[in-house]
Amino acid sequence: KVSIVLADIAAVSVAMVVAFVLWSRWRTDDPTSFRDAHLRLGVLSIPVWFVAMAHVGLYRSRLVTSRMEEMRRLARASLLSVFGIAAISTVTRLEAARLWLVLCALLGFVALAGERTVVRNVFRRRRRNGRHHREHDGANRSRHSQCWRLACHDRVAL
């Protein structure tokens, strides 16, 4: 789980930097005057992204059952994060460009979706090669142990 969290933080950080670069090319002639405020907001918003993703259940594998469910949760986390960044901006009196916030939401979603696809493929490949096994809940463990006992013993007592 730690590796997934670190990959999420890296994806979000890249998305915020790309959002700033795009915003500064489209909307301002002097991006250096806004760089400090957006850098501070970006650093302060990393925990907001993490909390939003944890809140919508992206770090609980039993809640993320399909690819579409994961995308829905990623979209919700992106929107919650941007609202959190706007709240931080208001509280700290650091001005955040609205276009930058919109770009952070869109690019954050795209970056997280791409990163989650890569992570999903890596885990699938590791499982196929026998290096990574899924954790099962208690009921599945019980069923697996019963099957193992039945397979190991020639006779089953009735």
C-alpha atoms as a PDB file:
ATOM      1  CA  LYS A   1       0.000   0.000   0.000  1.00  0.00           C
ATOM      2  CA  VAL A   2       2.861   2.357   0.695  1.00  0.00           C
ATOM      3  CA  SER A   3       4.115   2.017  -2.867  1.00  0.00           C
ATOM      4  CA  ILE A   4       0.648   2.846  -4.205  1.00  0.00           C
ATOM      5  CA  VAL A   5       0.429   5.936  -1.991  1.00  0.00           C
ATOM      6  CA  LEU A   6       3.869   7.104  -3.140  1.00  0.00           C
ATOM      7  CA  ALA A   7       2.953   6.509  -6.780  1.00  0.00           C
ATOM      8  CA  ASP A   8      -0.287   8.478  -6.269  1.00  0.00           C
ATOM      9  CA  ILE A   9       1.612  11.387  -4.706  1.00  0.00           C
ATOM     10  CA  ALA A  10       4.098  11.394  -7.574  1.00  0.00           C
ATOM     11  CA  ALA A  11       1.297  11.363 -10.167  1.00  0.00           C
ATOM     12  CA  VAL A  12      -0.536  14.210  -8.432  1.00  0.00           C
ATOM     13  CA  SER A  13       2.669  16.251  -8.106  1.00  0.00           C
ATOM     14  CA  VAL A  14       3.433  15.877 -11.800  1.00  0.00           C
ATOM     15  CA  ALA A  15      -0.156  16.812 -12.658  1.00  0.00           C
ATOM     16  CA  MET A  16       0.030  19.996 -10.577  1.00  0.00           C
ATOM     17  CA  VAL A  17       3.332  21.032 -12.166  1.00  0.00           C
ATOM     18  CA  VAL A  18       1.961  20.420 -15.676  1.00  0.00           C
ATOM     19  CA  ALA A  19      -1.200  22.347 -14.726  1.00  0.00           C
ATOM     20  CA  PHE A  20       0.933  25.303 -13.617  1.00  0.00           C
ATOM     21  CA  VAL A  21       3.015  25.219 -16.795  1.00  0.00           C
ATOM     22  CA  LEU A  22      -0.103  25.116 -18.992  1.00  0.00           C
ATOM     23  CA  TRP A  23      -1.801  27.834 -16.980  1.00  0.00           C
ATOM     24  CA  SER A  24       1.267  30.102 -17.082  1.00  0.00           C
ATOM     25  CA  ARG A  25       1.562  29.720 -20.871  1.00  0.00           C
ATOM     26  CA  TRP A  26      -2.117  30.439 -21.496  1.00  0.00           C
ATOM     27  CA  ARG A  27      -2.996  33.117 -18.965  1.00  0.00           C
ATOM     28  CA  THR A  28      -0.074  35.153 -17.753  1.00  0.00           C
ATOM     29  CA  ASP A  29       2.922  36.974 -19.133  1.00  0.00           C
ATOM     30  CA  ASP A  30       4.873  36.790 -15.876  1.00  0.00           C
ATOM     31  CA  PRO A  31       4.471  33.371 -14.198  1.00  0.00           C
ATOM     32  CA  THR A  32       7.262  34.084 -11.684  1.00  0.00           C
ATOM     33  CA  SER A  33       5.007  36.393  -9.673  1.00  0.00           C
ATOM     34  CA  PHE A  34       2.529  33.531  -9.148  1.00  0.00           C
ATOM     35  CA  ARG A  35       5.046  30.701  -8.802  1.00  0.00           C
ATOM     36  CA  ASP A  36       5.555  30.968  -5.032  1.00  0.00           C
ATOM     37  CA  ALA A  37       1.844  30.967  -4.189  1.00  0.00           C
ATOM     38  CA  HIS A  38       1.100  27.994  -6.417  1.00  0.00           C
ATOM     39  CA  LEU A  39       4.164  26.120  -5.171  1.00  0.00           C
ATOM     40  CA  ARG A  40       3.055  26.591  -1.562  1.00  0.00           C
ATOM     41  CA  LEU A  41      -0.486  25.555  -2.435  1.00  0.00           C
ATOM     42  CA  GLY A  42       0.794  22.508  -4.276  1.00  0.00           C
ATOM     43  CA  VAL A  43       2.895  21.400  -1.310  1.00  0.00           C
ATOM     44  CA  LEU A  44       0.052  22.050   1.143  1.00  0.00           C
ATOM     45  CA  SER A  45      -2.404  20.162  -1.053  1.00  0.00           C
ATOM     46  CA  ILE A  46      -0.488  16.852  -1.170  1.00  0.00           C
ATOM     47  CA  PRO A  47      -2.022  15.703   2.140  1.00  0.00           C
ATOM     48  CA  VAL A  48      -5.420  16.886   0.872  1.00  0.00           C
ATOM     49  CA  TRP A  49      -5.140  14.600  -2.158  1.00  0.00           C
ATOM     50  CA  PHE A  50      -4.116  11.689   0.081  1.00  0.00           C
ATOM     51  CA  VAL A  51      -7.004  12.259   2.503  1.00  0.00           C
ATOM     52  CA  ALA A  52      -9.500  12.623  -0.354  1.00  0.00           C
ATOM     53  CA  MET A  53      -8.349   9.377  -1.969  1.00  0.00           C
ATOM     54  CA  ALA A  54      -8.484   7.561   1.357  1.00  0.00           C
ATOM     55  CA  HIS A  55     -11.920   9.041   2.089  1.00  0.00           C
ATOM     56  CA  VAL A  56     -13.452   7.768  -1.157  1.00  0.00           C
ATOM     57  CA  GLY A  57     -12.000   4.305  -0.528  1.00  0.00           C
ATOM     58  CA  LEU A  58      -9.233   4.069  -3.107  1.00  0.00           C
ATOM     59  CA  TYR A  59      -6.887   2.398  -0.620  1.00  0.00           C
ATOM     60  CA  ARG A  60      -9.396  -0.285   0.399  1.00  0.00           C
ATOM     61  CA  SER A  61      -9.264  -3.073  -2.171  1.00  0.00           C
ATOM     62  CA  ARG A  62     -12.597  -4.544  -1.120  1.00  0.00           C
ATOM     63  CA  LEU A  63     -14.358  -1.324  -2.188  1.00  0.00           C
ATOM     64  CA  VAL A  64     -12.670  -1.031  -5.568  1.00  0.00           C
ATOM     65  CA  THR A  65     -14.209  -3.984  -7.363  1.00  0.00           C
ATOM     66  CA  SER A  66     -13.991  -2.915 -10.996  1.00  0.00           C
ATOM     67  CA  ARG A  67     -12.149  -0.514 -13.258  1.00  0.00           C
ATOM     68  CA  MET A  68     -15.227   1.712 -13.637  1.00  0.00           C
ATOM     69  CA  GLU A  69     -15.695   1.837  -9.871  1.00  0.00           C
ATOM     70  CA  GLU A  70     -12.080   2.928  -9.498  1.00  0.00           C
ATOM     71  CA  MET A  71     -12.546   5.654 -12.136  1.00  0.00           C
ATOM     72  CA  ARG A  72     -15.664   6.929 -10.366  1.00  0.00           C
ATOM     73  CA  ARG A  73     -13.787   7.074  -7.080  1.00  0.00           C
ATOM     74  CA  LEU A  74     -10.811   8.807  -8.748  1.00  0.00           C
ATOM     75  CA  ALA A  75     -13.088  11.477 -10.216  1.00  0.00           C
ATOM     76  CA  ARG A  76     -14.690  12.055  -6.837  1.00  0.00           C
ATOM     77  CA  ALA A  77     -11.286  12.267  -5.115  1.00  0.00           C
ATOM     78  CA  SER A  78     -10.048  14.765  -7.732  1.00  0.00           C
ATOM     79  CA  LEU A  79     -13.024  17.040  -7.165  1.00  0.00           C
ATOM     80  CA  LEU A  80     -12.742  16.789  -3.377  1.00  0.00           C
ATOM     81  CA  SER A  81      -9.041  17.618  -3.605  1.00  0.00           C
ATOM     82  CA  VAL A  82      -9.609  20.715  -5.698  1.00  0.00           C
ATOM     83  CA  PHE A  83     -12.250  21.936  -3.256  1.00  0.00           C
ATOM     84  CA  GLY A  84      -9.702  21.303  -0.517  1.00  0.00           C
ATOM     85  CA  ILE A  85      -7.043  23.278  -2.391  1.00  0.00           C
ATOM     86  CA  ALA A  86      -9.511  26.164  -2.794  1.00  0.00           C
ATOM     87  CA  ALA A  87     -10.245  26.040   0.951  1.00  0.00           C
ATOM     88  CA  ILE A  88      -6.527  26.073   1.763  1.00  0.00           C
ATOM     89  CA  SER A  89      -6.121  29.003  -0.616  1.00  0.00           C
ATOM     90  CA  THR A  90      -8.829  30.928   1.205  1.00  0.00           C
ATOM     91  CA  VAL A  91      -7.531  30.161   4.688  1.00  0.00           C
ATOM     92  CA  THR A  92      -3.892  30.931   3.887  1.00  0.00           C
ATOM     93  CA  ARG A  93      -4.777  33.904   1.652  1.00  0.00           C
ATOM     94  CA  LEU A  94      -2.643  32.477  -1.144  1.00  0.00           C
ATOM     95  CA  GLU A  95      -4.256  33.340  -4.450  1.00  0.00           C
ATOM     96  CA  ALA A  96      -4.955  30.356  -6.669  1.00  0.00           C
ATOM     97  CA  ALA A  97      -5.942  30.789 -10.276  1.00  0.00           C
ATOM     98  CA  ARG A  98      -9.294  29.171 -11.010  1.00  0.00           C
ATOM     99  CA  LEU A  99      -8.017  27.771 -14.299  1.00  0.00           C
ATOM    100  CA  TRP A 100      -5.100  26.199 -12.420  1.00  0.00           C
ATOM    101  CA  LEU A 101      -7.569  24.538 -10.042  1.00  0.00           C
ATOM    102  CA  VAL A 102      -9.609  23.172 -12.951  1.00  0.00           C
ATOM    103  CA  LEU A 103      -6.464  21.929 -14.674  1.00  0.00           C
ATOM    104  CA  CYS A 104      -5.324  20.299 -11.417  1.00  0.00           C
ATOM    105  CA  ALA A 105      -8.608  18.398 -11.195  1.00  0.00           C
ATOM    106  CA  LEU A 106      -8.528  17.248 -14.831  1.00  0.00           C
ATOM    107  CA  LEU A 107      -4.829  16.457 -15.048  1.00  0.00           C
ATOM    108  CA  GLY A 108      -4.857  14.904 -11.584  1.00  0.00           C
ATOM    109  CA  PHE A 109      -7.622  12.542 -12.658  1.00  0.00           C
ATOM    110  CA  VAL A 110      -5.810  11.636 -15.892  1.00  0.00           C
ATOM    111  CA  ALA A 111      -2.470  11.144 -14.128  1.00  0.00           C
ATOM    112  CA  LEU A 112      -4.009   9.010 -11.375  1.00  0.00           C
ATOM    113  CA  ALA A 113      -5.979   6.925 -13.873  1.00  0.00           C
ATOM    114  CA  GLY A 114      -2.812   6.269 -15.887  1.00  0.00           C
ATOM    115  CA  GLU A 115      -0.778   5.509 -12.795  1.00  0.00           C
ATOM    116  CA  ARG A 116      -3.444   3.153 -11.432  1.00  0.00           C
ATOM    117  CA  THR A 117      -3.526   1.318 -14.783  1.00  0.00           C
ATOM    118  CA  VAL A 118       0.229   0.793 -14.648  1.00  0.00           C
ATOM    119  CA  VAL A 119       0.064  -0.357 -11.016  1.00  0.00           C
ATOM    120  CA  ARG A 120      -2.808  -2.735 -11.795  1.00  0.00           C
ATOM    121  CA  ASN A 121      -0.797  -4.273 -14.678  1.00  0.00           C
ATOM    122  CA  VAL A 122       2.327  -4.634 -12.510  1.00  0.00           C
ATOM    123  CA  PHE A 123       0.356  -6.413  -9.782  1.00  0.00           C
ATOM    124  CA  ARG A 124      -1.355  -8.648 -12.343  1.00  0.00           C
ATOM    125  CA  ARG A 125       2.022  -9.612 -13.821  1.00  0.00           C
ATOM    126  CA  ARG A 126       3.488 -10.278 -10.355  1.00  0.00           C
ATOM    127  CA  ARG A 127       0.499 -12.436  -9.399  1.00  0.00           C
ATOM    128  CA  ARG A 128       0.827 -14.393 -12.631  1.00  0.00           C
ATOM    129  CA  ASN A 129       4.509 -15.037 -11.897  1.00  0.00           C
ATOM    130  CA  GLY A 130       3.702 -16.135  -8.335  1.00  0.00           C
ATOM    131  CA  ARG A 131       5.445 -13.240  -6.582  1.00  0.00           C
ATOM    132  CA  HIS A 132       2.388 -11.501  -5.188  1.00  0.00           C
ATOM    133  CA  HIS A 133      -0.726 -13.107  -3.761  1.00  0.00           C
ATOM    134  CA  ARG A 134      -4.033 -11.471  -2.999  1.00  0.00           C
ATOM    135  CA  GLU A 135      -5.069 -11.300   0.615  1.00  0.00           C
ATOM    136  CA  HIS A 136      -8.308 -13.117   1.280  1.00  0.00           C
ATOM    137  CA  ASP A 137     -10.884 -12.315   3.890  1.00  0.00           C
ATOM    138  CA  GLY A 138     -11.605 -14.733   6.721  1.00  0.00           C
ATOM    139  CA  ALA A 139     -14.394 -16.587   4.919  1.00  0.00           C
ATOM    140  CA  ASN A 140     -12.211 -17.262   1.904  1.00  0.00           C
ATOM    141  CA  ARG A 141      -9.332 -18.393   4.109  1.00  0.00           C
ATOM    142  CA  SER A 142     -11.635 -20.830   5.826  1.00  0.00           C
ATOM    143  CA  ARG A 143     -12.863 -22.205   2.487  1.00  0.00           C
ATOM    144  CA  HIS A 144      -9.314 -22.505   1.177  1.00  0.00           C
ATOM    145  CA  SER A 145      -8.167 -24.377   4.269  1.00  0.00           C
ATOM    146  CA  GLN A 146     -11.157 -26.728   4.032  1.00  0.00           C
ATOM    147  CA  CYS A 147     -10.358 -27.454   0.388  1.00  0.00           C
ATOM    148  CA  TRP A 148      -6.718 -28.032   1.303  1.00  0.00           C
ATOM    149  CA  ARG A 149      -7.661 -30.484   4.051  1.00  0.00           C
ATOM    150  CA  LEU A 150      -9.978 -32.359   1.691  1.00  0.00           C
ATOM    151  CA  ALA A 151      -7.341 -32.482  -1.029  1.00  0.00           C
ATOM    152  CA  CYS A 152      -4.624 -33.715   1.353  1.00  0.00           C
ATOM    153  CA  HIS A 153      -6.637 -36.496   2.968  1.00  0.00           C
ATOM    154  CA  ASP A 154      -7.699 -39.516   0.981  1.00  0.00           C
ATOM    155  CA  ARG A 155     -10.722 -40.227   3.098  1.00  0.00           C
ATOM    156  CA  VAL A 156     -13.333 -37.789   4.167  1.00  0.00           C
ATOM    157  CA  ALA A 157     -15.129 -38.629   7.371  1.00  0.00           C
ATOM    158  CA  LEU A 158     -18.864 -38.450   6.994  1.00  0.00           C
END
